[in-house]
């Protein structure tokens, strides 16, 4: 039996309905097996920095992109973003803020803390599938990363 491939997307999402929607959209575009889910900001940081339950994880095994919600328990998304972009070990990992907020203050703060992109979650499922497809095509197919690939 082959081990599962390392995740290419780290999805940081706590809302069960949004999580189901995102995963269904990833499934529909054949990317579900390339997503690792964490459900709060603290777990996202542990995963990224290979700490706590992820202490044995190979940091070089992904993710290639982090999809980050802003409204998270334990550590909010902006703080996660600030820490990721403030640390040389994780600074180069692209972070896409994927959130329901369209508040100008959230958008500005996200870019100020180093977000690579800001995408508002569409309410319509078919449009959401299109957004996920475009994210996958861009970040895994077109974008050149410092980690090789694409």
Protein backbone atom coordinates (compact mmCIF):
# COMPACT_ATOMS: atom_id res chain seq x y z
CA UNK A 1 0.00 0.00 0.00
CA UNK A 2 1.40 3.40 -1.01
CA UNK A 3 1.48 6.15 1.60
CA UNK A 4 -0.81 9.05 0.87
CA UNK A 5 0.86 11.89 -1.01
CA UNK A 6 1.80 14.97 1.00
CA UNK A 7 -0.85 17.69 1.02
CA UNK A 8 -0.51 20.45 -1.50
CA UNK A 9 -3.20 22.58 0.14
CA UNK A 10 -3.55 23.18 3.86
CA UNK A 11 -7.14 24.25 4.45
CA UNK A 12 -7.66 26.12 7.72
CA UNK A 13 -11.43 26.15 8.30
CA UNK A 14 -13.47 25.75 11.47
CA UNK A 15 -17.05 26.14 10.25
CA UNK A 16 -18.48 22.66 9.52
CA UNK A 17 -20.79 23.89 6.74
CA UNK A 18 -18.06 25.91 5.02
CA UNK A 19 -15.65 22.98 5.42
CA UNK A 20 -18.11 20.60 3.78
CA UNK A 21 -18.70 23.08 0.96
CA UNK A 22 -14.97 23.55 0.34
CA UNK A 23 -14.25 19.82 0.43
CA UNK A 24 -17.16 19.06 -1.92
CA UNK A 25 -15.83 21.70 -4.31
CA UNK A 26 -12.31 20.19 -4.13
CA UNK A 27 -13.81 16.75 -4.71
CA UNK A 28 -15.71 17.98 -7.75
CA UNK A 29 -12.46 19.20 -9.35
CA UNK A 30 -10.47 16.09 -8.32
CA UNK A 31 -8.29 17.86 -5.74
CA UNK A 32 -9.77 16.46 -2.51
CA UNK A 33 -6.92 13.99 -1.97
CA UNK A 34 -4.46 16.90 -2.10
CA UNK A 35 -5.99 18.79 0.84
CA UNK A 36 -5.12 18.57 4.53
CA UNK A 37 -7.66 20.13 6.90
CA UNK A 38 -6.99 21.77 10.24
CA UNK A 39 -9.83 23.34 12.22
CA UNK A 40 -8.33 26.23 14.17
CA UNK A 41 -5.49 28.69 14.10
CA UNK A 42 -3.43 26.93 16.76
CA UNK A 43 -3.53 23.65 14.83
CA UNK A 44 -2.57 25.49 11.63
CA UNK A 45 0.53 26.87 13.33
CA UNK A 46 1.42 23.46 14.81
CA UNK A 47 1.14 21.90 11.35
CA UNK A 48 3.15 24.65 9.62
CA UNK A 49 5.92 24.63 12.23
CA UNK A 50 5.91 20.83 12.76
CA UNK A 51 5.05 21.11 16.45
CA UNK A 52 2.75 19.28 18.88
CA UNK A 53 0.98 16.38 17.15
CA UNK A 54 2.82 17.28 13.91
CA UNK A 55 6.33 17.21 15.43
CA UNK A 56 7.36 14.27 13.24
CA UNK A 57 6.05 15.78 10.02
CA UNK A 58 8.57 16.48 7.26
CA UNK A 59 8.43 20.24 6.71
CA UNK A 60 9.59 19.74 3.12
CA UNK A 61 6.48 17.66 2.34
CA UNK A 62 4.09 20.55 1.82
CA UNK A 63 1.86 22.31 1.82
CA UNK A 64 2.44 24.29 -1.35
CA UNK A 65 -0.43 26.65 -0.52
CA UNK A 66 -2.34 27.55 2.65
CA UNK A 67 -6.04 28.42 2.34
CA UNK A 68 -6.77 30.43 5.46
CA UNK A 69 -10.09 31.52 6.92
CA UNK A 70 -9.93 34.66 9.06
CA UNK A 71 -12.53 33.90 11.72
CA UNK A 72 -10.92 31.01 13.62
CA UNK A 73 -10.97 29.78 17.21
CA UNK A 74 -7.89 29.76 19.46
CA UNK A 75 -5.71 31.91 17.14
CA UNK A 76 -7.46 34.11 14.58
CA UNK A 77 -6.53 34.00 10.92
CA UNK A 78 -4.76 37.36 10.85
CA UNK A 79 -2.49 36.26 13.70
CA UNK A 80 -1.80 32.95 11.92
CA UNK A 81 -0.93 34.92 8.79
CA UNK A 82 1.31 37.32 10.73
CA UNK A 83 3.24 34.42 12.31
CA UNK A 84 3.58 32.47 9.06
CA UNK A 85 4.87 35.45 7.11
CA UNK A 86 7.05 36.61 10.00
CA UNK A 87 9.05 33.38 10.21
CA UNK A 88 11.74 32.49 7.66
CA UNK A 89 10.73 28.80 7.79
CA UNK A 90 7.23 29.52 6.45
CA UNK A 91 7.48 32.98 4.89
CA UNK A 92 7.63 31.66 1.32
CA UNK A 93 4.53 29.45 1.53
CA UNK A 94 1.78 31.22 -0.41
CA UNK A 95 -1.22 32.04 1.76
CA UNK A 96 -4.61 32.59 0.17
CA UNK A 97 -7.14 34.12 2.53
CA UNK A 98 -10.37 32.26 1.75
CA UNK A 99 -13.08 33.83 3.85
CA UNK A 100 -16.65 35.11 3.82
CA UNK A 101 -15.58 38.60 4.80
CA UNK A 102 -15.51 41.35 2.21
CA UNK A 103 -14.76 44.01 4.82
CA UNK A 104 -12.13 46.44 3.51
CA UNK A 105 -10.38 46.35 6.90
CA UNK A 106 -9.97 42.54 6.66
CA UNK A 107 -8.69 42.77 3.09
CA UNK A 108 -6.20 45.52 3.96
CA UNK A 109 -4.99 43.77 7.11
CA UNK A 110 -4.54 40.49 5.22
CA UNK A 111 -2.33 42.11 2.61
CA UNK A 112 -0.49 44.12 5.26
CA UNK A 113 0.41 40.86 7.03
CA UNK A 114 1.61 39.26 3.79
CA UNK A 115 -1.32 37.43 2.18
CA UNK A 116 -0.58 36.39 -1.39
CA UNK A 117 -4.23 36.53 -2.39
CA UNK A 118 -7.64 37.31 -0.89
CA UNK A 119 -10.71 35.42 -2.10
CA UNK A 120 -14.23 35.90 -0.76
CA UNK A 121 -16.17 32.63 -0.56
CA UNK A 122 -19.04 32.70 -3.03
CA UNK A 123 -22.45 31.78 -1.62
CA UNK A 124 -23.49 29.86 -4.75
CA UNK A 125 -22.02 26.31 -4.79
CA UNK A 126 -21.43 26.18 -8.56
CA UNK A 127 -19.54 29.48 -8.40
CA UNK A 128 -17.61 28.14 -5.41
CA UNK A 129 -16.60 25.07 -7.45
CA UNK A 130 -15.37 27.43 -10.17
CA UNK A 131 -13.33 29.38 -7.61
CA UNK A 132 -11.75 26.18 -6.23
CA UNK A 133 -10.96 24.97 -9.77
CA UNK A 134 -9.31 28.30 -10.57
CA UNK A 135 -7.34 28.24 -7.30
CA UNK A 136 -6.12 24.72 -8.04
CA UNK A 137 -5.20 25.52 -11.63
CA UNK A 138 -3.37 28.67 -10.68
CA UNK A 139 -1.53 27.60 -7.51
CA UNK A 140 -0.71 24.04 -8.59
CA UNK A 141 -0.49 24.48 -12.35
CA UNK A 142 0.63 27.97 -13.30
CA UNK A 143 2.30 29.55 -10.29
CA UNK A 144 6.03 29.05 -9.93
CA UNK A 145 6.95 28.34 -6.31
CA UNK A 146 10.32 28.34 -4.56
CA UNK A 147 9.56 24.70 -3.63
CA UNK A 148 9.72 23.36 -7.20
CA UNK A 149 6.84 22.18 -9.28
CA UNK A 150 4.54 24.16 -11.55
